[in-house]
Structure formats: C-alpha cells, structure tokens
N, C-alpha and C. Protein backbone atom coordinates (compact mmCIF):
# COMPACT_ATOMS: atom_id res chain seq x y z
N MET A 1 230.21 286.69 -134.33
CA MET A 1 228.86 286.08 -134.02
C MET A 1 228.87 285.56 -132.61
N PRO A 2 227.78 285.95 -131.87
CA PRO A 2 227.70 285.56 -130.50
C PRO A 2 227.44 283.99 -130.41
N GLU A 3 227.92 283.49 -129.40
CA GLU A 3 227.86 281.99 -129.20
C GLU A 3 226.43 281.64 -129.03
N ARG A 4 226.01 280.50 -129.69
CA ARG A 4 224.61 280.04 -129.62
C ARG A 4 224.47 279.31 -128.23
N THR A 5 223.36 279.55 -127.64
CA THR A 5 223.05 278.91 -126.38
C THR A 5 221.75 278.06 -126.49
N ILE A 6 221.64 277.12 -125.65
CA ILE A 6 220.36 276.37 -125.61
C ILE A 6 219.23 277.28 -125.21
N SER A 7 219.48 278.15 -124.24
CA SER A 7 218.44 279.12 -123.85
C SER A 7 217.96 279.96 -124.98
N SER A 8 218.84 280.64 -125.68
CA SER A 8 218.40 281.50 -126.79
C SER A 8 217.71 280.78 -127.89
N MET A 9 218.22 279.61 -128.31
CA MET A 9 217.57 278.82 -129.40
C MET A 9 216.20 278.32 -128.97
N PHE A 10 216.08 277.72 -127.82
CA PHE A 10 214.80 277.20 -127.48
C PHE A 10 213.83 278.28 -126.98
N ASP A 11 214.29 279.36 -126.43
CA ASP A 11 213.31 280.54 -126.11
C ASP A 11 212.75 281.14 -127.42
N GLU A 12 213.62 281.25 -128.46
CA GLU A 12 213.16 281.82 -129.69
C GLU A 12 212.14 280.81 -130.31
N ASP A 13 212.36 279.53 -130.19
CA ASP A 13 211.35 278.63 -130.72
C ASP A 13 210.08 278.76 -129.95
N HIS A 14 210.15 278.88 -128.62
CA HIS A 14 208.90 279.01 -127.85
C HIS A 14 208.14 280.34 -128.33
N ASP A 15 208.84 281.37 -128.62
CA ASP A 15 208.22 282.65 -129.08
C ASP A 15 207.56 282.41 -130.49
N ARG A 16 208.27 281.74 -131.32
CA ARG A 16 207.79 281.44 -132.66
C ARG A 16 206.49 280.67 -132.63
N LEU A 17 206.47 279.64 -131.77
CA LEU A 17 205.29 278.73 -131.50
C LEU A 17 204.14 279.56 -130.96
N ASP A 18 204.44 280.38 -129.93
CA ASP A 18 203.33 281.24 -129.31
C ASP A 18 202.69 282.05 -130.42
N GLU A 19 203.48 282.64 -131.29
CA GLU A 19 202.81 283.48 -132.39
C GLU A 19 201.98 282.69 -133.30
N LEU A 20 202.41 281.47 -133.74
CA LEU A 20 201.48 280.60 -134.48
C LEU A 20 200.24 280.28 -133.75
N PHE A 21 200.28 279.97 -132.47
CA PHE A 21 199.05 279.59 -131.70
C PHE A 21 198.16 280.84 -131.66
N LYS A 22 198.74 282.06 -131.41
CA LYS A 22 197.93 283.24 -131.30
C LYS A 22 197.18 283.49 -132.69
N SER A 23 197.94 283.21 -133.89
CA SER A 23 197.31 283.34 -135.14
C SER A 23 196.17 282.42 -135.31
N PHE A 24 196.39 281.21 -134.87
CA PHE A 24 195.28 280.15 -134.95
C PHE A 24 194.10 280.70 -134.20
N HIS A 25 194.30 281.16 -132.94
CA HIS A 25 193.22 281.54 -132.10
C HIS A 25 192.44 282.73 -132.67
N ARG A 26 193.27 283.69 -133.22
CA ARG A 26 192.71 284.93 -133.77
C ARG A 26 191.78 284.68 -135.04
N LEU A 27 192.28 283.72 -135.85
CA LEU A 27 191.59 283.49 -137.14
C LEU A 27 190.55 282.42 -137.09
N LYS A 28 190.42 281.55 -136.10
CA LYS A 28 189.63 280.38 -136.17
C LYS A 28 188.17 280.67 -136.44
N ARG A 29 187.67 281.82 -136.19
CA ARG A 29 186.20 282.04 -136.38
C ARG A 29 186.01 282.97 -137.70
N THR A 30 187.16 283.41 -138.28
CA THR A 30 186.92 284.28 -139.42
C THR A 30 187.59 283.79 -140.68
N ASP A 31 188.61 283.02 -140.53
CA ASP A 31 189.51 282.52 -141.68
C ASP A 31 189.87 281.15 -141.45
N LEU A 32 188.97 280.24 -141.62
CA LEU A 32 189.20 278.79 -141.17
C LEU A 32 190.47 278.23 -141.84
N ALA A 33 190.62 278.43 -143.22
CA ALA A 33 191.80 277.83 -143.88
C ALA A 33 193.09 278.29 -143.27
N ASN A 34 193.21 279.59 -143.09
CA ASN A 34 194.54 280.10 -142.49
C ASN A 34 194.63 279.73 -141.05
N ALA A 35 193.52 279.63 -140.29
CA ALA A 35 193.61 279.20 -138.95
C ALA A 35 194.09 277.76 -138.79
N GLN A 36 193.52 276.87 -139.74
CA GLN A 36 193.98 275.51 -139.74
C GLN A 36 195.46 275.37 -140.03
N GLN A 37 195.92 276.23 -141.05
CA GLN A 37 197.38 276.16 -141.41
C GLN A 37 198.17 276.57 -140.26
N ALA A 38 197.78 277.61 -139.54
CA ALA A 38 198.57 278.11 -138.37
C ALA A 38 198.56 276.98 -137.26
N PHE A 39 197.48 276.35 -137.16
CA PHE A 39 197.43 275.19 -136.19
C PHE A 39 198.37 274.07 -136.57
N VAL A 40 198.26 273.65 -137.81
CA VAL A 40 199.18 272.64 -138.32
C VAL A 40 200.64 272.99 -138.07
N ASP A 41 200.93 274.16 -138.44
CA ASP A 41 202.35 274.64 -138.26
C ASP A 41 202.72 274.73 -136.75
N PHE A 42 201.80 275.09 -135.96
CA PHE A 42 202.03 275.14 -134.48
C PHE A 42 202.31 273.69 -133.96
N LYS A 43 201.30 272.81 -134.28
CA LYS A 43 201.36 271.40 -133.85
C LYS A 43 202.69 270.72 -134.32
N THR A 44 202.98 270.86 -135.55
CA THR A 44 204.19 270.24 -136.06
C THR A 44 205.43 270.81 -135.30
N GLY A 45 205.45 272.13 -135.21
CA GLY A 45 206.59 272.78 -134.46
C GLY A 45 206.70 272.48 -133.14
N LEU A 46 205.62 272.31 -132.32
CA LEU A 46 205.66 271.85 -130.96
C LEU A 46 206.10 270.50 -130.84
N GLN A 47 205.64 269.64 -131.71
CA GLN A 47 206.10 268.22 -131.64
C GLN A 47 207.54 268.17 -131.99
N ARG A 48 208.03 268.90 -132.96
CA ARG A 48 209.52 268.97 -133.22
C ARG A 48 210.26 269.43 -132.05
N HIS A 49 209.78 270.44 -131.36
CA HIS A 49 210.48 271.05 -130.23
C HIS A 49 210.59 269.91 -129.13
N MET A 50 209.49 269.25 -128.87
CA MET A 50 209.54 268.19 -127.81
C MET A 50 210.53 267.03 -128.20
N VAL A 51 210.52 266.62 -129.49
CA VAL A 51 211.34 265.67 -129.97
C VAL A 51 212.85 266.13 -129.76
N TRP A 52 213.12 267.35 -130.15
CA TRP A 52 214.53 267.87 -129.94
C TRP A 52 214.87 267.64 -128.40
N GLU A 53 213.94 268.08 -127.54
CA GLU A 53 214.22 267.98 -126.14
C GLU A 53 214.51 266.44 -125.71
N GLU A 54 213.45 265.66 -126.09
CA GLU A 54 213.52 264.32 -125.51
C GLU A 54 214.66 263.38 -126.21
N ASP A 55 214.92 263.68 -127.47
CA ASP A 55 215.95 262.80 -128.15
C ASP A 55 217.30 263.29 -128.01
N VAL A 56 217.49 264.62 -127.77
CA VAL A 56 218.82 265.24 -127.84
C VAL A 56 219.17 265.94 -126.52
N LEU A 57 218.37 266.88 -126.13
CA LEU A 57 218.68 267.74 -124.98
C LEU A 57 218.62 267.01 -123.70
N PHE A 58 217.52 266.40 -123.42
CA PHE A 58 217.40 265.68 -122.14
C PHE A 58 218.44 264.63 -121.89
N PRO A 59 218.73 263.75 -122.89
CA PRO A 59 219.76 262.77 -122.72
C PRO A 59 221.13 263.39 -122.33
N LEU A 60 221.41 264.52 -122.98
CA LEU A 60 222.66 265.23 -122.68
C LEU A 60 222.65 265.71 -121.28
N TRP A 61 221.61 266.26 -120.84
CA TRP A 61 221.48 266.74 -119.41
C TRP A 61 221.64 265.58 -118.40
N GLU A 62 220.95 264.44 -118.70
CA GLU A 62 221.02 263.31 -117.90
C GLU A 62 222.43 262.63 -117.81
N LYS A 63 223.08 262.69 -118.94
CA LYS A 63 224.52 262.21 -119.05
C LYS A 63 225.39 263.12 -118.19
N LYS A 64 225.20 264.41 -118.30
CA LYS A 64 226.07 265.40 -117.65
C LYS A 64 225.85 265.33 -116.16
N THR A 65 224.65 265.13 -115.67
CA THR A 65 224.33 265.31 -114.26
C THR A 65 224.08 264.07 -113.58
N GLY A 66 223.73 262.91 -114.32
CA GLY A 66 223.35 261.70 -113.68
C GLY A 66 221.87 261.76 -113.16
N MET A 67 221.20 262.93 -113.38
CA MET A 67 219.79 263.03 -112.92
C MET A 67 218.87 262.34 -113.98
N THR A 68 218.17 261.33 -113.59
CA THR A 68 217.17 260.72 -114.58
C THR A 68 215.90 260.58 -113.79
N GLU A 69 215.61 259.45 -113.17
CA GLU A 69 214.30 259.29 -112.48
C GLU A 69 214.16 260.39 -111.45
N GLY A 70 213.06 261.11 -111.52
CA GLY A 70 212.73 262.09 -110.54
C GLY A 70 213.38 263.40 -110.82
N GLY A 71 214.34 263.53 -111.75
CA GLY A 71 214.96 264.75 -112.04
C GLY A 71 214.06 265.61 -112.95
N PRO A 72 214.57 266.84 -113.29
CA PRO A 72 213.73 267.74 -114.07
C PRO A 72 213.35 267.21 -115.48
N THR A 73 214.24 266.37 -116.13
CA THR A 73 213.87 265.81 -117.39
C THR A 73 212.79 264.86 -117.28
N PHE A 74 212.74 264.11 -116.17
CA PHE A 74 211.64 263.13 -115.89
C PHE A 74 210.26 263.88 -115.84
N VAL A 75 210.29 264.99 -115.12
CA VAL A 75 209.04 265.87 -114.99
C VAL A 75 208.71 266.44 -116.32
N MET A 76 209.68 266.91 -117.12
CA MET A 76 209.38 267.50 -118.38
C MET A 76 208.81 266.49 -119.33
N ARG A 77 209.30 265.25 -119.28
CA ARG A 77 208.73 264.23 -120.17
C ARG A 77 207.17 263.93 -119.81
N GLN A 78 206.99 263.91 -118.55
CA GLN A 78 205.56 263.66 -118.07
C GLN A 78 204.66 264.81 -118.56
N GLU A 79 205.15 266.13 -118.44
CA GLU A 79 204.42 267.25 -118.89
C GLU A 79 204.22 267.19 -120.41
N HIS A 80 205.25 266.79 -121.13
CA HIS A 80 205.04 266.66 -122.59
C HIS A 80 203.90 265.69 -122.95
N ARG A 81 203.74 264.72 -122.22
CA ARG A 81 202.55 263.75 -122.47
C ARG A 81 201.23 264.52 -122.18
N GLU A 82 201.14 265.25 -121.13
CA GLU A 82 200.02 266.02 -120.86
C GLU A 82 199.78 267.12 -121.93
N ILE A 83 200.79 267.73 -122.37
CA ILE A 83 200.78 268.78 -123.46
C ILE A 83 200.18 268.12 -124.74
N MET A 84 200.66 266.91 -125.04
CA MET A 84 200.18 266.20 -126.21
C MET A 84 198.66 265.90 -126.11
N GLU A 85 198.24 265.62 -124.96
CA GLU A 85 196.84 265.31 -124.67
C GLU A 85 195.99 266.57 -124.99
N GLY A 86 196.45 267.68 -124.46
CA GLY A 86 195.77 268.97 -124.75
C GLY A 86 195.82 269.33 -126.16
N LEU A 87 196.89 269.17 -126.81
CA LEU A 87 197.08 269.51 -128.21
C LEU A 87 196.13 268.60 -129.11
N ASP A 88 196.02 267.36 -128.72
CA ASP A 88 195.07 266.46 -129.45
C ASP A 88 193.65 266.86 -129.25
N ALA A 89 193.33 267.34 -128.12
CA ALA A 89 191.94 267.85 -127.80
C ALA A 89 191.62 268.98 -128.79
N ILE A 90 192.47 269.95 -128.88
CA ILE A 90 192.28 271.07 -129.80
C ILE A 90 192.31 270.54 -131.24
N ASP A 91 193.20 269.65 -131.56
CA ASP A 91 193.30 269.11 -132.96
C ASP A 91 191.99 268.45 -133.34
N ARG A 92 191.33 267.79 -132.47
CA ARG A 92 190.05 267.20 -132.81
C ARG A 92 189.02 268.26 -133.30
N LYS A 93 189.04 269.33 -132.49
CA LYS A 93 188.08 270.48 -132.87
C LYS A 93 188.45 271.03 -134.27
N VAL A 94 189.76 271.26 -134.46
CA VAL A 94 190.26 271.73 -135.77
C VAL A 94 189.83 270.88 -136.88
N GLN A 95 189.99 269.58 -136.71
CA GLN A 95 189.59 268.60 -137.70
C GLN A 95 188.12 268.61 -137.93
N ALA A 96 187.31 268.85 -137.02
CA ALA A 96 185.89 268.90 -137.10
C ALA A 96 185.44 270.27 -137.63
N GLN A 97 186.41 271.20 -137.86
CA GLN A 97 186.13 272.64 -138.26
C GLN A 97 185.18 273.27 -137.19
N ASN A 98 185.41 272.99 -135.96
CA ASN A 98 184.63 273.47 -134.91
C ASN A 98 185.49 274.59 -134.20
N PRO A 99 185.15 275.88 -134.30
CA PRO A 99 185.95 276.89 -133.64
C PRO A 99 185.70 277.04 -132.12
N GLU A 100 184.80 276.24 -131.56
CA GLU A 100 184.53 276.34 -130.13
C GLU A 100 185.49 275.59 -129.34
N SER A 101 186.81 276.04 -129.40
CA SER A 101 187.84 275.32 -128.69
C SER A 101 188.49 276.19 -127.53
N ASP A 102 187.79 277.26 -127.15
CA ASP A 102 188.37 278.19 -126.13
C ASP A 102 188.76 277.48 -124.82
N GLN A 103 187.84 276.67 -124.36
CA GLN A 103 188.02 275.98 -123.07
C GLN A 103 189.22 275.08 -123.24
N GLU A 104 189.31 274.23 -124.27
CA GLU A 104 190.54 273.46 -124.48
C GLU A 104 191.77 274.18 -124.65
N GLU A 105 191.67 275.31 -125.38
CA GLU A 105 192.88 276.11 -125.53
C GLU A 105 193.35 276.71 -124.22
N GLN A 106 192.41 277.16 -123.35
CA GLN A 106 192.85 277.75 -122.08
C GLN A 106 193.55 276.78 -121.23
N ALA A 107 193.01 275.56 -121.08
CA ALA A 107 193.63 274.50 -120.29
C ALA A 107 194.97 274.14 -120.87
N PHE A 108 195.12 274.00 -122.20
CA PHE A 108 196.32 273.70 -122.87
C PHE A 108 197.42 274.86 -122.57
N MET A 109 196.98 276.02 -122.77
CA MET A 109 197.88 277.20 -122.62
C MET A 109 198.35 277.34 -121.19
N ASP A 110 197.52 277.11 -120.25
CA ASP A 110 197.94 277.12 -118.85
C ASP A 110 199.06 276.20 -118.59
N LEU A 111 198.86 274.93 -119.07
CA LEU A 111 199.89 273.98 -118.87
C LEU A 111 201.25 274.29 -119.69
N LEU A 112 201.05 274.74 -120.91
CA LEU A 112 202.19 275.01 -121.81
C LEU A 112 203.01 276.21 -121.22
N GLU A 113 202.29 277.28 -120.78
CA GLU A 113 203.00 278.41 -120.24
C GLU A 113 203.80 278.06 -118.95
N ARG A 114 203.22 277.21 -118.07
CA ARG A 114 203.95 276.80 -116.91
C ARG A 114 205.19 276.03 -117.23
N HIS A 115 204.96 275.09 -118.17
CA HIS A 115 206.07 274.23 -118.68
C HIS A 115 207.19 275.00 -119.28
N ASN A 116 206.80 275.94 -120.16
CA ASN A 116 207.84 276.76 -120.85
C ASN A 116 208.52 277.64 -119.87
N MET A 117 207.89 278.11 -118.86
CA MET A 117 208.58 278.98 -117.87
C MET A 117 209.62 278.20 -117.12
N THR A 118 209.24 276.98 -116.74
CA THR A 118 210.24 276.18 -116.05
C THR A 118 211.46 275.84 -116.96
N GLU A 119 211.16 275.54 -118.16
CA GLU A 119 212.33 275.27 -119.08
C GLU A 119 213.19 276.52 -119.25
N GLU A 120 212.49 277.68 -119.53
CA GLU A 120 213.24 278.88 -119.80
C GLU A 120 214.10 279.39 -118.58
N GLU A 121 213.36 279.30 -117.40
CA GLU A 121 214.01 279.87 -116.18
C GLU A 121 214.98 278.97 -115.46
N VAL A 122 214.88 277.64 -115.68
CA VAL A 122 215.64 276.72 -114.94
C VAL A 122 216.39 275.79 -115.85
N LEU A 123 215.75 274.89 -116.59
CA LEU A 123 216.44 273.86 -117.29
C LEU A 123 217.45 274.36 -118.42
N TYR A 124 216.98 275.23 -119.33
CA TYR A 124 217.87 275.65 -120.43
C TYR A 124 219.14 276.37 -119.84
N ALA A 125 218.95 277.17 -118.89
CA ALA A 125 220.14 277.84 -118.33
C ALA A 125 221.04 276.87 -117.70
N ALA A 126 220.45 275.94 -116.99
CA ALA A 126 221.32 274.93 -116.34
C ALA A 126 222.08 274.08 -117.37
N ILE A 127 221.46 273.73 -118.43
CA ILE A 127 222.13 273.02 -119.59
C ILE A 127 223.27 273.83 -120.12
N ASP A 128 222.93 275.16 -120.42
CA ASP A 128 224.06 276.08 -120.88
C ASP A 128 225.25 276.00 -119.95
N ARG A 129 225.04 276.11 -118.65
CA ARG A 129 226.10 276.08 -117.70
C ARG A 129 226.89 274.75 -117.70
N ALA A 130 226.17 273.71 -117.88
CA ALA A 130 226.73 272.35 -117.79
C ALA A 130 227.39 271.90 -119.15
N THR A 131 227.35 272.71 -120.22
CA THR A 131 227.87 272.30 -121.44
C THR A 131 228.90 273.31 -122.01
N SER A 132 229.77 272.88 -122.91
CA SER A 132 230.65 273.74 -123.59
C SER A 132 229.95 274.29 -124.94
N ALA A 133 230.50 275.20 -125.56
CA ALA A 133 230.05 275.72 -126.84
C ALA A 133 230.08 274.61 -127.86
N ASP A 134 231.09 273.71 -127.86
CA ASP A 134 231.22 272.63 -128.80
C ASP A 134 230.11 271.58 -128.57
N GLU A 135 229.77 271.31 -127.25
CA GLU A 135 228.74 270.37 -126.98
C GLU A 135 227.37 270.98 -127.39
N ARG A 136 227.14 272.24 -127.28
CA ARG A 136 225.86 272.88 -127.73
C ARG A 136 225.81 272.76 -129.27
N GLU A 137 226.95 273.03 -129.94
CA GLU A 137 226.84 272.94 -131.44
C GLU A 137 226.52 271.40 -131.81
N THR A 138 226.99 270.51 -131.12
CA THR A 138 226.74 269.10 -131.34
C THR A 138 225.26 268.84 -131.15
N VAL A 139 224.58 269.52 -130.11
CA VAL A 139 223.19 269.44 -129.91
C VAL A 139 222.47 270.00 -131.13
N PHE A 140 222.83 271.15 -131.57
CA PHE A 140 222.09 271.81 -132.70
C PHE A 140 222.22 270.98 -133.90
N GLN A 141 223.40 270.31 -134.13
CA GLN A 141 223.58 269.45 -135.38
C GLN A 141 222.80 268.27 -135.24
N ALA A 142 222.69 267.60 -134.06
CA ALA A 142 221.83 266.43 -133.88
C ALA A 142 220.41 266.71 -134.05
N MET A 143 219.95 267.90 -133.63
CA MET A 143 218.50 268.35 -133.83
C MET A 143 218.19 268.33 -135.33
N ASN A 144 219.14 268.97 -136.04
CA ASN A 144 218.81 269.16 -137.51
C ASN A 144 218.83 267.78 -138.25
N LYS A 145 219.39 266.76 -137.73
CA LYS A 145 219.51 265.45 -138.38
C LYS A 145 218.23 264.60 -138.06
N ILE A 146 217.41 265.00 -137.15
CA ILE A 146 216.19 264.25 -136.83
C ILE A 146 215.20 264.30 -138.04
N PRO A 147 214.89 263.19 -138.51
CA PRO A 147 213.93 263.15 -139.74
C PRO A 147 212.52 263.72 -139.40
N ASP A 148 212.01 264.39 -140.37
CA ASP A 148 210.65 265.02 -140.22
C ASP A 148 209.63 264.02 -139.67
N ALA A 149 209.71 262.77 -140.23
CA ALA A 149 208.74 261.83 -139.83
C ALA A 149 208.68 261.47 -138.31
N ARG A 150 209.69 261.89 -137.63
CA ARG A 150 209.79 261.61 -136.18
C ARG A 150 208.82 262.55 -135.36
N TYR A 151 208.45 263.67 -136.00
CA TYR A 151 207.59 264.63 -135.25
C TYR A 151 206.40 265.05 -136.06
N LYS A 152 206.27 264.72 -137.26
CA LYS A 152 205.12 265.21 -138.07
C LYS A 152 204.06 264.08 -138.07
N THR A 153 203.12 264.30 -137.12
CA THR A 153 202.00 263.32 -136.98
C THR A 153 200.82 263.84 -137.69
N GLY A 154 199.86 263.00 -137.93
CA GLY A 154 198.69 263.34 -138.74
C GLY A 154 197.80 264.41 -138.10
N SER A 155 197.19 265.08 -138.98
CA SER A 155 196.12 266.07 -138.58
C SER A 155 195.13 266.22 -139.73
N GLY A 156 193.87 266.42 -139.41
CA GLY A 156 192.95 266.61 -140.49
C GLY A 156 193.20 267.86 -141.27
N ALA A 157 193.97 268.73 -140.74
CA ALA A 157 194.31 269.97 -141.47
C ALA A 157 195.72 269.89 -142.02
N GLN A 158 195.89 269.03 -143.00
CA GLN A 158 197.18 268.82 -143.65
C GLN A 158 197.46 269.88 -144.70
N ARG A 159 198.71 270.07 -144.96
CA ARG A 159 199.15 270.98 -146.05
C ARG A 159 198.69 270.44 -147.37
N ALA A 160 198.38 271.34 -148.24
CA ALA A 160 197.93 270.94 -149.60
C ALA A 160 199.21 270.56 -150.39
C-alpha cells in the first residue's frame, strides 16, 4: 500500500467537496431537496476540512518550522474566516430556499479556488517534506478523533 501523504489526502478531500458544491449549484433550481442536502454535506465537509487543518495540521507545521505569525498558516487561518463568511452568505440563501445565489457562489468559489491552490501547490507538499510517515499517520489519527460537534454547525437545511 502506498504511503499516505498530507497532499493526497487533502487534495482528495478538496475534489470531493468540489463535486458536492457542483451538485448543489446544478440542482438548486430544479431539485431543491437534493440541492439543499448537497449544500449541507458540502458545508459540513468544508468545516471539517478547516478544523482538521487548524486543529491538527497547522499546529504541526508551526511546531516543525517555528513559523506562526505571518507564516503560511497565519494567512490560511485568515482566509478560512473569509471562506466562512462566503459560505454563510450562501447558506442564508439556501435556508430561505432562494436559488438566486450565483453572485455569492462566484465570489466564494474565487476565494476558495485560490486558497485551495495555495494549499495544494505549496503548504501540503511542504508539510509532507517536513514530516515522517509516522508523523503523518499521527495526523490522520488525530483528525479522526475530532468530535463531529466541532465542525457541524447549524443550517436551515438539516438532515432528516
């Protein structure tokens, strides 16, 4: 079995989340129930992804490199706050069952795509280089131990 890397695991999660968001966008005017479910799954997944980074991955990077204030993880945390603001703007439209969220979605996706590119092309690879296979396995185990309540925040489109 090939060695698991931060890059491969987080890149795959980005791809999975992208597909959920595309499903939401594609369905929002024709199949509201499934669009809402895709959005809830996307939102929960994105929040989980950011918690994994902020609670596990970023502290490891900072410990390994000594880079905190002004380093890449400082910037990523700031971008996470902006991403959450954009996500909340779309969520308000979803809760109101208003499919007219194209403008909010475009602004959100522009930010998210830039953010993901930086993570995929720079940060994840740097973390892979700075860590051993055992350290990466410890990261994956720590991520799995984070309770759902840490990242599942409310939405008007809740699971039945």
